[in-house]
Amino acid sequence: MTWLDARLGGKPANAGCHTRTVLSNLLQPGTAEAFGGRLIYANFLALLGLPVGPAGLYGPVGQL
């Protein structure tokens, strides 16, 4: 999500390409920032029995 947010925000992609193997994408830099609050918020809504998803969870991309 951070890569997509950067592209939509006008930041150019890095030149060239490379691959690497990671244990989990959840351990990558920026993951907690990108998903942490959203996951907590989604779980909170679910506990309250409120709709979780595009219609009930978020406004514009990147906002809670």
Protein backbone atom coordinates (compact mmCIF):
# COMPACT_ATOMS: atom_id res chain seq x y z
CA MET A 1 0.00 0.00 0.00
CA THR A 2 2.82 2.41 0.72
CA TRP A 3 4.17 1.91 -2.81
CA LEU A 4 0.74 2.64 -4.31
CA ASP A 5 0.20 5.66 -2.06
CA ALA A 6 3.58 7.04 -3.17
CA ARG A 7 2.76 6.58 -6.88
CA LEU A 8 -0.65 8.21 -6.48
CA GLY A 9 1.01 11.00 -4.52
CA GLY A 10 3.29 11.80 -7.46
CA LYS A 11 6.54 10.23 -6.16
CA PRO A 12 8.39 8.52 -9.02
CA ALA A 13 9.25 4.82 -8.82
CA ASN A 14 12.85 3.77 -8.29
CA ALA A 15 14.84 3.20 -11.47
CA GLY A 16 15.68 -0.39 -12.38
CA CYS A 17 14.42 -3.47 -10.62
CA HIS A 18 15.55 -6.01 -8.06
CA THR A 19 14.15 -8.96 -6.18
CA ARG A 20 14.65 -10.14 -2.65
CA THR A 21 13.20 -12.79 -0.40
CA VAL A 22 11.60 -11.69 2.87
CA LEU A 23 10.23 -13.71 5.76
CA SER A 24 6.97 -11.76 5.82
CA ASN A 25 5.69 -8.52 4.32
CA LEU A 26 4.31 -7.71 7.76
CA LEU A 27 7.90 -7.20 8.92
CA GLN A 28 8.77 -4.65 6.21
CA PRO A 29 9.38 -0.97 7.03
CA GLY A 30 6.21 1.10 6.79
CA THR A 31 3.79 -1.80 7.28
CA ALA A 32 2.70 -0.74 10.77
CA GLU A 33 2.20 2.82 9.56
CA ALA A 34 0.21 1.71 6.52
CA PHE A 35 -1.99 -0.93 8.13
CA GLY A 36 -1.69 -0.66 11.91
CA GLY A 37 -4.40 1.91 12.55
CA ARG A 38 -6.64 0.52 9.86
CA LEU A 39 -6.54 -3.00 11.28
CA ILE A 40 -7.25 -1.78 14.80
CA TYR A 41 -10.11 0.37 13.52
CA ALA A 42 -11.56 -2.49 11.44
CA ASN A 43 -11.46 -4.84 14.43
CA PHE A 44 -13.13 -2.21 16.60
CA LEU A 45 -15.95 -1.80 14.08
CA ALA A 46 -16.35 -5.56 13.81
CA LEU A 47 -16.59 -5.91 17.61
CA LEU A 48 -19.38 -3.34 17.58
CA GLY A 49 -21.19 -5.20 14.79
CA LEU A 50 -20.75 -2.27 12.39
CA PRO A 51 -20.03 -2.70 8.67
CA VAL A 52 -16.37 -3.15 7.77
CA GLY A 53 -15.46 -2.51 4.15
CA PRO A 54 -15.58 0.15 1.45
CA ALA A 55 -19.05 1.35 2.42
CA GLY A 56 -18.46 1.48 6.15
CA LEU A 57 -14.79 1.76 6.92
CA TYR A 58 -12.82 4.42 5.03
CA GLY A 59 -13.22 7.70 3.25
CA PRO A 60 -10.65 8.65 0.60
CA VAL A 61 -7.57 6.45 0.23
CA GLY A 62 -5.19 6.79 3.16
CA GLN A 63 -7.65 8.34 5.58
CA LEU A 64 -9.38 6.68 8.51
